Amino acid sequence: MDLKTLEAAMHTFVESKGWYKPDSPHPQNPKNLAISLVLEASEVLEHFQWGDSTADKTELASELADVLLYLLQIASLHEIDLGQAVMDKLKINDGREWE
């Protein structure tokens, strides 16, 4: 599945909940989305808090999906092609050296 398909499904879901409306109790602005992204990433980290692997791959998959959904939404609202951004970053990182 490509990122554009995922992005469209994400927008359909958010719109169906009314979260893009100005009076939404869950306003989808950049600050709120960035906070939500970090909170969801923390939930990924919880799976590895006491070990090197997760006991529940289904729950981990769900948390990873939440992270991806917030990334897609933030990128889309800022008109960033996330796929291209990843490729650009890989090119930059290819020229870097890590110690």
Protein backbone atom coordinates (compact mmCIF):
# COMPACT_ATOMS: atom_id res chain seq x y z
CA MET A 1 0.00 0.00 0.00
CA ASP A 2 1.38 3.42 -0.88
CA LEU A 3 1.54 6.51 1.35
CA LYS A 4 -1.04 8.44 -0.69
CA THR A 5 -3.61 5.70 -0.13
CA LEU A 6 -2.86 5.68 3.60
CA GLU A 7 -3.01 9.48 3.70
CA ALA A 8 -6.41 9.53 1.98
CA ALA A 9 -7.77 6.90 4.39
CA MET A 10 -6.44 8.93 7.34
CA HIS A 11 -8.13 12.13 6.10
CA THR A 12 -11.39 10.26 5.52
CA PHE A 13 -11.30 8.96 9.08
CA VAL A 14 -10.42 12.34 10.65
CA GLU A 15 -13.11 14.11 8.63
CA SER A 16 -15.69 11.47 9.58
CA LYS A 17 -15.02 12.25 13.26
CA GLY A 18 -15.40 16.00 12.64
CA TRP A 19 -11.91 16.70 13.92
CA TYR A 20 -11.13 19.17 11.12
CA LYS A 21 -14.06 21.39 12.10
CA PRO A 22 -13.16 24.65 13.86
CA ASP A 23 -15.24 23.76 16.94
CA SER A 24 -13.82 20.22 17.28
CA PRO A 25 -12.98 19.05 20.80
CA HIS A 26 -9.89 17.48 19.18
CA PRO A 27 -8.50 20.28 16.97
CA GLN A 28 -6.09 18.91 14.41
CA ASN A 29 -3.52 21.72 14.51
CA PRO A 30 0.24 21.21 14.20
CA LYS A 31 0.94 21.59 17.93
CA ASN A 32 -1.73 19.08 18.98
CA LEU A 33 -0.66 16.63 16.29
CA ALA A 34 3.02 16.88 17.30
CA ILE A 35 2.08 16.27 20.95
CA SER A 36 -0.04 13.29 19.94
CA LEU A 37 2.82 11.90 17.84
CA VAL A 38 5.19 12.00 20.80
CA LEU A 39 2.60 10.44 23.11
CA GLU A 40 2.05 7.59 20.67
CA ALA A 41 5.80 7.11 20.21
CA SER A 42 6.05 6.80 23.99
CA GLU A 43 3.46 4.05 23.86
CA VAL A 44 5.73 2.22 21.40
CA LEU A 45 8.58 2.58 23.90
CA GLU A 46 6.45 1.05 26.66
CA HIS A 47 6.55 -2.26 24.79
CA PHE A 48 10.30 -2.44 25.38
CA GLN A 49 10.44 -0.92 28.86
CA TRP A 50 11.51 -4.12 30.62
CA GLY A 51 13.05 -6.13 27.82
CA ASP A 52 14.34 -6.30 24.28
CA SER A 53 11.17 -7.63 22.72
CA THR A 54 7.45 -7.09 22.99
CA ALA A 55 5.04 -9.61 24.44
CA ASP A 56 2.22 -8.46 22.17
CA LYS A 57 3.03 -7.85 18.50
CA THR A 58 -0.59 -6.93 17.74
CA GLU A 59 -0.54 -4.12 20.30
CA LEU A 60 2.87 -2.96 19.06
CA ALA A 61 1.54 -2.89 15.50
CA SER A 62 -1.39 -0.78 16.67
CA GLU A 63 0.91 1.74 18.35
CA LEU A 64 3.19 1.89 15.31
CA ALA A 65 0.13 2.54 13.15
CA ASP A 66 -0.86 5.45 15.43
CA VAL A 67 2.62 6.94 15.00
CA LEU A 68 2.43 6.59 11.23
CA LEU A 69 -1.03 8.15 11.10
CA TYR A 70 0.14 11.24 12.99
CA LEU A 71 3.24 11.49 10.78
CA LEU A 72 1.09 11.29 7.67
CA GLN A 73 -1.30 13.91 8.97
CA ILE A 74 1.41 16.38 10.00
CA ALA A 75 3.19 15.95 6.66
CA SER A 76 -0.03 16.29 4.69
CA LEU A 77 -1.17 19.43 6.50
CA HIS A 78 2.22 20.99 5.73
CA GLU A 79 2.16 19.81 2.11
CA ILE A 80 5.24 17.63 2.63
CA ASP A 81 5.66 14.56 0.47
CA LEU A 82 6.70 12.19 3.24
CA GLY A 83 7.96 9.55 0.82
CA GLN A 84 10.21 12.09 -0.87
CA ALA A 85 11.31 13.47 2.50
CA VAL A 86 12.41 9.95 3.51
CA MET A 87 14.35 9.49 0.28
CA ASP A 88 16.00 12.92 0.69
CA LYS A 89 16.96 12.11 4.28
CA LEU A 90 18.41 8.73 3.29
CA LYS A 91 20.57 10.49 0.69
CA ILE A 92 21.81 12.96 3.33
CA ASN A 93 22.44 10.17 5.81
CA ASP A 94 24.33 8.16 3.20
CA GLY A 95 26.99 10.86 3.19
CA ARG A 96 27.23 11.07 6.98
CA GLU A 97 29.64 9.26 9.26
CA TRP A 98 28.62 7.97 12.68
CA GLU A 99 31.10 7.19 15.40
